[in-house]
Amino acid sequence: MRLLRGDFAAETVYDADPVAVARRFADAGAPWIHVVDLDAARTGESANLDVIRRIRGAVRCPIQSGGGVRSVAAAEALLGAGVDRVVVGTAAVEDPELVESLARRHAGRVAVGLDARGREVAVRGWVEGSGHDLLDLAARFEAVGVAALVVTEIGRDGTLEGPDVEQLAAVLGSCGIPLIASGGVGTLEDLRILGSLRAGGRALSGVITGRALYEGRFDVAEALEAVAGAS
């Protein structure tokens, strides 16, 4: 299922079997599978751990997952289900000490998801504004030891209108944490632009692509080739 700009009233179901979708992407060469528990993101209660376990059993590539991770127990439930890296969003904004604790306990397996409208980071399934600045939060996690930042421009997410390159460049230049871009990718040219993006002497560590793949605008092999050719 995909949302448009994080709106639960504007959802599109592309396939009723997420395990089969993950297997197709992995078999096509995807280096990571990114899974978001949208139900948990809105309510804070995970309802899809069994699905994630089945995805883990179906693919060989690493899995990154988030959505509703607001406690140590929730994070460790995902890690216990076989996730290689857990993404903490709302809790990272409201309780930064939680991220510090998780990063110490699970080195290299904790990422922070910062979902923003412009420079303001949103929380609780993108429903509420936090009042926190994106760049300030990115810098805050510099010394914590998180494995990556996943930055999503909510206004672009699911639109296929292209990523917010200026926003991503600003984050790249503000801290040294590996940065994964999310939101807006609709064409191979978008991927080439992201693959060539540099700021602060750094490049992106990854790009999350969803709707464009589901709708057949390009396939996994073409996406990988576009990014590799731009780097």
C-alpha atoms as a PDB file:
ATOM      1  CA  MET A   1       0.000   0.000   0.000  1.00  0.00           C
ATOM      2  CA  ARG A   2       1.166   3.561  -0.781  1.00  0.00           C
ATOM      3  CA  LEU A   3      -0.001   6.878   0.640  1.00  0.00           C
ATOM      4  CA  LEU A   4       0.040  10.226  -1.138  1.00  0.00           C
ATOM      5  CA  ARG A   5       1.906  12.869   0.885  1.00  0.00           C
ATOM      6  CA  GLY A   6       1.335  10.752   3.999  1.00  0.00           C
ATOM      7  CA  ASP A   7      -2.468  11.018   3.740  1.00  0.00           C
ATOM      8  CA  PHE A   8      -4.211   7.863   4.975  1.00  0.00           C
ATOM      9  CA  ALA A   9      -7.340   8.947   3.087  1.00  0.00           C
ATOM     10  CA  ALA A  10      -5.364   8.846  -0.180  1.00  0.00           C
ATOM     11  CA  GLU A  11      -4.011   5.319  -0.153  1.00  0.00           C
ATOM     12  CA  THR A  12      -3.439   3.018  -3.108  1.00  0.00           C
ATOM     13  CA  VAL A  13      -3.134  -0.751  -2.765  1.00  0.00           C
ATOM     14  CA  TYR A  14      -0.761  -2.103  -5.413  1.00  0.00           C
ATOM     15  CA  ASP A  15      -0.530  -5.684  -4.209  1.00  0.00           C
ATOM     16  CA  ALA A  16      -2.213  -7.588  -1.381  1.00  0.00           C
ATOM     17  CA  ASP A  17       0.854  -9.788  -0.829  1.00  0.00           C
ATOM     18  CA  PRO A  18       3.798  -7.759   0.513  1.00  0.00           C
ATOM     19  CA  VAL A  19       5.928 -10.888   0.809  1.00  0.00           C
ATOM     20  CA  ALA A  20       5.619 -11.571  -2.914  1.00  0.00           C
ATOM     21  CA  VAL A  21       6.439  -7.933  -3.709  1.00  0.00           C
ATOM     22  CA  ALA A  22       9.558  -8.041  -1.533  1.00  0.00           C
ATOM     23  CA  ARG A  23      10.653 -11.280  -3.185  1.00  0.00           C
ATOM     24  CA  ARG A  24      10.262  -9.765  -6.650  1.00  0.00           C
ATOM     25  CA  PHE A  25      12.339  -6.732  -5.716  1.00  0.00           C
ATOM     26  CA  ALA A  26      15.033  -8.847  -4.070  1.00  0.00           C
ATOM     27  CA  ASP A  27      15.182 -11.279  -6.975  1.00  0.00           C
ATOM     28  CA  ALA A  28      15.614  -8.300  -9.315  1.00  0.00           C
ATOM     29  CA  GLY A  29      18.701  -7.205  -7.400  1.00  0.00           C
ATOM     30  CA  ALA A  30      17.466  -4.661  -4.863  1.00  0.00           C
ATOM     31  CA  PRO A  31      20.315  -4.203  -2.349  1.00  0.00           C
ATOM     32  CA  TRP A  32      17.856  -3.446   0.493  1.00  0.00           C
ATOM     33  CA  ILE A  33      14.136  -3.876   1.123  1.00  0.00           C
ATOM     34  CA  HIS A  34      12.519  -0.943   2.962  1.00  0.00           C
ATOM     35  CA  VAL A  35       9.325  -1.815   4.866  1.00  0.00           C
ATOM     36  CA  VAL A  36       7.071   0.684   6.638  1.00  0.00           C
ATOM     37  CA  ASP A  37       4.350  -0.480   9.033  1.00  0.00           C
ATOM     38  CA  LEU A  38       1.811   2.246   8.225  1.00  0.00           C
ATOM     39  CA  ASP A  39      -0.648   0.993  10.853  1.00  0.00           C
ATOM     40  CA  ALA A  40       1.993   1.244  13.565  1.00  0.00           C
ATOM     41  CA  ALA A  41       3.143   4.651  12.320  1.00  0.00           C
ATOM     42  CA  ARG A  42      -0.314   6.043  12.975  1.00  0.00           C
ATOM     43  CA  THR A  43      -1.216   4.188  16.181  1.00  0.00           C
ATOM     44  CA  GLY A  44       2.124   3.194  17.706  1.00  0.00           C
ATOM     45  CA  GLU A  45       0.960  -0.418  17.882  1.00  0.00           C
ATOM     46  CA  SER A  46       2.590  -2.954  15.573  1.00  0.00           C
ATOM     47  CA  ALA A  47       0.204  -5.210  13.697  1.00  0.00           C
ATOM     48  CA  ASN A  48       2.507  -6.570  11.022  1.00  0.00           C
ATOM     49  CA  LEU A  49       5.393  -8.355  12.731  1.00  0.00           C
ATOM     50  CA  ASP A  50       4.342 -11.658  11.218  1.00  0.00           C
ATOM     51  CA  VAL A  51       4.421 -10.139   7.732  1.00  0.00           C
ATOM     52  CA  ILE A  52       7.922  -8.825   8.397  1.00  0.00           C
ATOM     53  CA  ARG A  53       9.055 -12.255   9.615  1.00  0.00           C
ATOM     54  CA  ARG A  54       7.739 -13.785   6.414  1.00  0.00           C
ATOM     55  CA  ILE A  55       9.513 -11.169   4.296  1.00  0.00           C
ATOM     56  CA  ARG A  56      12.725 -11.974   6.156  1.00  0.00           C
ATOM     57  CA  GLY A  57      12.267 -15.640   5.301  1.00  0.00           C
ATOM     58  CA  ALA A  58      11.595 -14.856   1.640  1.00  0.00           C
ATOM     59  CA  VAL A  59      14.565 -12.618   0.768  1.00  0.00           C
ATOM     60  CA  ARG A  60      18.320 -12.734   1.225  1.00  0.00           C
ATOM     61  CA  CYS A  61      19.062  -9.014   1.038  1.00  0.00           C
ATOM     62  CA  PRO A  62      19.009  -6.804   4.158  1.00  0.00           C
ATOM     63  CA  ILE A  63      15.708  -5.396   5.399  1.00  0.00           C
ATOM     64  CA  GLN A  64      15.163  -1.938   6.873  1.00  0.00           C
ATOM     65  CA  SER A  65      11.882  -1.327   8.677  1.00  0.00           C
ATOM     66  CA  GLY A  66      10.144   1.381  10.658  1.00  0.00           C
ATOM     67  CA  GLY A  67       6.768   2.770  11.573  1.00  0.00           C
ATOM     68  CA  GLY A  68       5.563   3.198  15.137  1.00  0.00           C
ATOM     69  CA  VAL A  69       8.919   2.391  16.752  1.00  0.00           C
ATOM     70  CA  ARG A  70       8.427   4.364  19.962  1.00  0.00           C
ATOM     71  CA  SER A  71      10.072   2.137  22.556  1.00  0.00           C
ATOM     72  CA  VAL A  72      13.040  -0.163  23.037  1.00  0.00           C
ATOM     73  CA  ALA A  73      10.625  -3.081  23.053  1.00  0.00           C
ATOM     74  CA  ALA A  74       9.128  -2.107  19.696  1.00  0.00           C
ATOM     75  CA  ALA A  75      12.571  -1.733  18.131  1.00  0.00           C
ATOM     76  CA  GLU A  76      13.791  -5.027  19.515  1.00  0.00           C
ATOM     77  CA  ALA A  77      10.628  -6.769  18.335  1.00  0.00           C
ATOM     78  CA  LEU A  78      11.501  -5.731  14.780  1.00  0.00           C
ATOM     79  CA  LEU A  79      15.127  -6.761  15.203  1.00  0.00           C
ATOM     80  CA  GLY A  80      13.930 -10.063  16.634  1.00  0.00           C
ATOM     81  CA  ALA A  81      11.730 -10.535  13.576  1.00  0.00           C
ATOM     82  CA  GLY A  82      14.863 -10.442  11.439  1.00  0.00           C
ATOM     83  CA  VAL A  83      15.110  -6.800  10.432  1.00  0.00           C
ATOM     84  CA  ASP A  84      18.702  -5.743   9.793  1.00  0.00           C
ATOM     85  CA  ARG A  85      18.107  -2.077  10.553  1.00  0.00           C
ATOM     86  CA  VAL A  86      15.256  -0.414  12.424  1.00  0.00           C
ATOM     87  CA  VAL A  87      14.123   3.139  11.654  1.00  0.00           C
ATOM     88  CA  VAL A  88      12.995   5.318  14.568  1.00  0.00           C
ATOM     89  CA  GLY A  89      10.892   8.345  13.638  1.00  0.00           C
ATOM     90  CA  THR A  90       8.512   9.989  16.094  1.00  0.00           C
ATOM     91  CA  ALA A  91      10.395   8.707  19.132  1.00  0.00           C
ATOM     92  CA  ALA A  92      13.662  10.102  17.796  1.00  0.00           C
ATOM     93  CA  VAL A  93      12.100  13.571  17.818  1.00  0.00           C
ATOM     94  CA  GLU A  94      10.251  13.272  21.125  1.00  0.00           C
ATOM     95  CA  ASP A  95      12.714  11.081  23.034  1.00  0.00           C
ATOM     96  CA  PRO A  96      16.257  11.352  21.594  1.00  0.00           C
ATOM     97  CA  GLU A  97      17.622   9.363  24.546  1.00  0.00           C
ATOM     98  CA  LEU A  98      15.760   6.336  23.208  1.00  0.00           C
ATOM     99  CA  VAL A  99      17.805   6.495  20.008  1.00  0.00           C
ATOM    100  CA  GLU A 100      21.023   6.830  21.994  1.00  0.00           C
ATOM    101  CA  SER A 101      20.129   3.772  24.048  1.00  0.00           C
ATOM    102  CA  LEU A 102      19.217   1.711  20.998  1.00  0.00           C
ATOM    103  CA  ALA A 103      22.358   2.778  19.112  1.00  0.00           C
ATOM    104  CA  ARG A 104      24.501   1.621  22.026  1.00  0.00           C
ATOM    105  CA  ARG A 105      22.688  -1.693  22.346  1.00  0.00           C
ATOM    106  CA  HIS A 106      22.468  -2.410  18.617  1.00  0.00           C
ATOM    107  CA  ALA A 107      25.408  -0.692  16.946  1.00  0.00           C
ATOM    108  CA  GLY A 108      24.996  -0.227  13.206  1.00  0.00           C
ATOM    109  CA  ARG A 109      21.365  -1.348  13.248  1.00  0.00           C
ATOM    110  CA  VAL A 110      19.500   1.845  14.147  1.00  0.00           C
ATOM    111  CA  ALA A 111      18.512   4.622  11.741  1.00  0.00           C
ATOM    112  CA  VAL A 112      16.566   7.810  12.362  1.00  0.00           C
ATOM    113  CA  GLY A 113      13.683   8.757  10.074  1.00  0.00           C
ATOM    114  CA  LEU A 114      13.120  12.494   9.710  1.00  0.00           C
ATOM    115  CA  ASP A 115       9.933  13.238   7.777  1.00  0.00           C
ATOM    116  CA  ALA A 116       9.522  16.924   7.003  1.00  0.00           C
ATOM    117  CA  ARG A 117       7.292  19.478   5.381  1.00  0.00           C
ATOM    118  CA  GLY A 118       9.954  21.900   4.265  1.00  0.00           C
ATOM    119  CA  ARG A 119      12.148  22.331   7.332  1.00  0.00           C
ATOM    120  CA  GLU A 120       9.589  21.278   9.977  1.00  0.00           C
ATOM    121  CA  VAL A 121       9.753  17.638  11.011  1.00  0.00           C
ATOM    122  CA  ALA A 122       6.406  15.849  11.413  1.00  0.00           C
ATOM    123  CA  VAL A 123       5.553  13.022  13.820  1.00  0.00           C
ATOM    124  CA  ARG A 124       2.936  10.321  14.488  1.00  0.00           C
ATOM    125  CA  GLY A 125       2.473   9.062  10.981  1.00  0.00           C
ATOM    126  CA  TRP A 126       3.040  12.570   9.559  1.00  0.00           C
ATOM    127  CA  VAL A 127      -0.193  13.747  11.162  1.00  0.00           C
ATOM    128  CA  GLU A 128       1.348  16.288  13.574  1.00  0.00           C
ATOM    129  CA  GLY A 129       4.020  18.946  13.234  1.00  0.00           C
ATOM    130  CA  SER A 130       6.771  18.790  15.841  1.00  0.00           C
ATOM    131  CA  GLY A 131       8.020  22.374  15.762  1.00  0.00           C
ATOM    132  CA  HIS A 132      11.565  21.023  15.293  1.00  0.00           C
ATOM    133  CA  ASP A 133      13.866  22.038  12.447  1.00  0.00           C
ATOM    134  CA  LEU A 134      15.122  19.297  10.133  1.00  0.00           C
ATOM    135  CA  LEU A 135      18.746  20.432  10.096  1.00  0.00           C
ATOM    136  CA  ASP A 136      18.868  20.954  13.858  1.00  0.00           C
ATOM    137  CA  LEU A 137      17.614  17.415  14.436  1.00  0.00           C
ATOM    138  CA  ALA A 138      20.003  15.935  11.888  1.00  0.00           C
ATOM    139  CA  ALA A 139      22.935  17.594  13.646  1.00  0.00           C
ATOM    140  CA  ARG A 140      21.686  16.424  17.052  1.00  0.00           C
ATOM    141  CA  PHE A 141      22.191  12.779  16.087  1.00  0.00           C
ATOM    142  CA  GLU A 142      25.721  13.332  14.769  1.00  0.00           C
ATOM    143  CA  ALA A 143      27.434  11.970  17.890  1.00  0.00           C
ATOM    144  CA  VAL A 144      24.863   9.333  18.794  1.00  0.00           C
ATOM    145  CA  GLY A 145      26.136   6.635  16.452  1.00  0.00           C
ATOM    146  CA  VAL A 146      23.061   6.028  14.312  1.00  0.00           C
ATOM    147  CA  ALA A 147      23.690   4.053  11.129  1.00  0.00           C
ATOM    148  CA  ALA A 148      21.764   6.388   8.811  1.00  0.00           C
ATOM    149  CA  LEU A 149      19.256   9.186   8.444  1.00  0.00           C
ATOM    150  CA  VAL A 150      16.212   8.542   6.266  1.00  0.00           C
ATOM    151  CA  VAL A 151      14.885  11.930   5.146  1.00  0.00           C
ATOM    152  CA  THR A 152      11.472  12.198   3.498  1.00  0.00           C
ATOM    153  CA  GLU A 153       9.912  15.352   2.096  1.00  0.00           C
ATOM    154  CA  ILE A 154       6.247  14.679   2.850  1.00  0.00           C
ATOM    155  CA  GLY A 155       5.038  17.082   0.185  1.00  0.00           C
ATOM    156  CA  ARG A 156       6.809  15.025  -2.487  1.00  0.00           C
ATOM    157  CA  ASP A 157       6.166  11.525  -1.121  1.00  0.00           C
ATOM    158  CA  GLY A 158       4.092   9.396  -3.476  1.00  0.00           C
ATOM    159  CA  THR A 159       3.729  12.212  -6.018  1.00  0.00           C
ATOM    160  CA  LEU A 160       6.346  11.105  -8.593  1.00  0.00           C
ATOM    161  CA  GLU A 161       7.130  14.823  -9.004  1.00  0.00           C
ATOM    162  CA  GLY A 162      10.818  14.536  -8.167  1.00  0.00           C
ATOM    163  CA  PRO A 163      12.779  14.706  -4.913  1.00  0.00           C
ATOM    164  CA  ASP A 164      13.503  17.880  -2.961  1.00  0.00           C
ATOM    165  CA  VAL A 165      17.163  18.139  -3.946  1.00  0.00           C
ATOM    166  CA  GLU A 166      17.772  21.386  -2.059  1.00  0.00           C
ATOM    167  CA  GLN A 167      16.476  19.858   1.159  1.00  0.00           C
ATOM    168  CA  LEU A 168      18.674  16.792   0.773  1.00  0.00           C
ATOM    169  CA  ALA A 169      21.737  18.873  -0.057  1.00  0.00           C
ATOM    170  CA  ALA A 170      21.159  20.940   3.069  1.00  0.00           C
ATOM    171  CA  VAL A 171      21.048  17.818   5.219  1.00  0.00           C
ATOM    172  CA  LEU A 172      24.169  16.406   3.555  1.00  0.00           C
ATOM    173  CA  GLY A 173      25.993  19.601   4.361  1.00  0.00           C
ATOM    174  CA  SER A 174      24.773  19.813   7.955  1.00  0.00           C
ATOM    175  CA  CYS A 175      26.053  16.520   9.382  1.00  0.00           C
ATOM    176  CA  GLY A 176      28.171  13.489   8.583  1.00  0.00           C
ATOM    177  CA  ILE A 177      25.582  10.756   9.109  1.00  0.00           C
ATOM    178  CA  PRO A 178      24.963   8.544   6.040  1.00  0.00           C
ATOM    179  CA  LEU A 179      21.851   9.909   4.340  1.00  0.00           C
ATOM    180  CA  ILE A 180      19.113   7.965   2.547  1.00  0.00           C
ATOM    181  CA  ALA A 181      16.706  10.003   0.396  1.00  0.00           C
ATOM    182  CA  SER A 182      12.996   9.247   0.278  1.00  0.00           C
ATOM    183  CA  GLY A 183      10.050  10.845  -1.451  1.00  0.00           C
ATOM    184  CA  GLY A 184       9.163  11.987  -4.961  1.00  0.00           C
ATOM    185  CA  VAL A 185      11.251   9.760  -7.221  1.00  0.00           C
ATOM    186  CA  GLY A 186       9.318   9.318 -10.452  1.00  0.00           C
ATOM    187  CA  THR A 187      11.877   8.924 -13.235  1.00  0.00           C
ATOM    188  CA  LEU A 188      15.305   7.529 -13.948  1.00  0.00           C
ATOM    189  CA  GLU A 189      16.502  11.115 -14.317  1.00  0.00           C
ATOM    190  CA  ASP A 190      15.470  11.737 -10.695  1.00  0.00           C
ATOM    191  CA  LEU A 191      17.716   8.837  -9.696  1.00  0.00           C
ATOM    192  CA  ARG A 192      20.591  10.182 -11.801  1.00  0.00           C
ATOM    193  CA  ILE A 193      20.245  13.569 -10.107  1.00  0.00           C
ATOM    194  CA  LEU A 194      20.286  11.957  -6.673  1.00  0.00           C
ATOM    195  CA  GLY A 195      23.195   9.737  -7.631  1.00  0.00           C
ATOM    196  CA  SER A 196      25.262  12.770  -8.595  1.00  0.00           C
ATOM    197  CA  LEU A 197      24.224  14.936  -5.639  1.00  0.00           C
ATOM    198  CA  ARG A 198      27.148  16.206  -3.566  1.00  0.00           C
ATOM    199  CA  ALA A 199      27.229  18.576  -0.603  1.00  0.00           C
ATOM    200  CA  GLY A 200      29.740  18.996   2.177  1.00  0.00           C
ATOM    201  CA  GLY A 201      31.996  16.592   0.307  1.00  0.00           C
ATOM    202  CA  ARG A 202      29.430  13.827   0.690  1.00  0.00           C
ATOM    203  CA  ALA A 203      27.046  11.827  -1.491  1.00  0.00           C
ATOM    204  CA  LEU A 204      23.811  10.067  -0.614  1.00  0.00           C
ATOM    205  CA  SER A 205      24.114   6.560   0.840  1.00  0.00           C
ATOM    206  CA  GLY A 206      20.866   5.354  -0.688  1.00  0.00           C
ATOM    207  CA  VAL A 207      17.528   6.191  -2.277  1.00  0.00           C
ATOM    208  CA  ILE A 208      14.154   4.676  -1.372  1.00  0.00           C
ATOM    209  CA  THR A 209      11.883   4.148  -4.365  1.00  0.00           C
ATOM    210  CA  GLY A 210       8.301   2.944  -4.104  1.00  0.00           C
ATOM    211  CA  ARG A 211       5.456   4.097  -6.319  1.00  0.00           C
ATOM    212  CA  ALA A 212       7.575   4.444  -9.468  1.00  0.00           C
ATOM    213  CA  LEU A 213       8.537   0.778  -9.198  1.00  0.00           C
ATOM    214  CA  TYR A 214       4.998  -0.336  -8.415  1.00  0.00           C
ATOM    215  CA  GLU A 215       3.653   1.498 -11.463  1.00  0.00           C
ATOM    216  CA  GLY A 216       6.357   0.205 -13.810  1.00  0.00           C
ATOM    217  CA  ARG A 217       7.963   3.541 -14.651  1.00  0.00           C
ATOM    218  CA  PHE A 218      11.256   1.693 -14.410  1.00  0.00           C
ATOM    219  CA  ASP A 219      12.453  -1.567 -12.921  1.00  0.00           C
ATOM    220  CA  VAL A 220      15.010  -2.356 -10.233  1.00  0.00           C
ATOM    221  CA  ALA A 221      17.810  -3.071 -12.705  1.00  0.00           C
ATOM    222  CA  GLU A 222      17.239   0.234 -14.517  1.00  0.00           C
ATOM    223  CA  ALA A 223      17.170   2.092 -11.189  1.00  0.00           C
ATOM    224  CA  LEU A 224      20.461   0.582 -10.078  1.00  0.00           C
ATOM    225  CA  GLU A 225      22.075   1.367 -13.411  1.00  0.00           C
ATOM    226  CA  ALA A 226      20.881   5.006 -13.265  1.00  0.00           C
ATOM    227  CA  VAL A 227      22.326   5.542  -9.798  1.00  0.00           C
ATOM    228  CA  ALA A 228      25.593   3.772 -10.586  1.00  0.00           C
ATOM    229  CA  GLY A 229      26.057   5.717 -13.793  1.00  0.00           C
ATOM    230  CA  ALA A 230      25.655   9.028 -11.980  1.00  0.00           C
ATOM    231  CA  SER A 231      28.095   8.361  -9.164  1.00  0.00           C
END
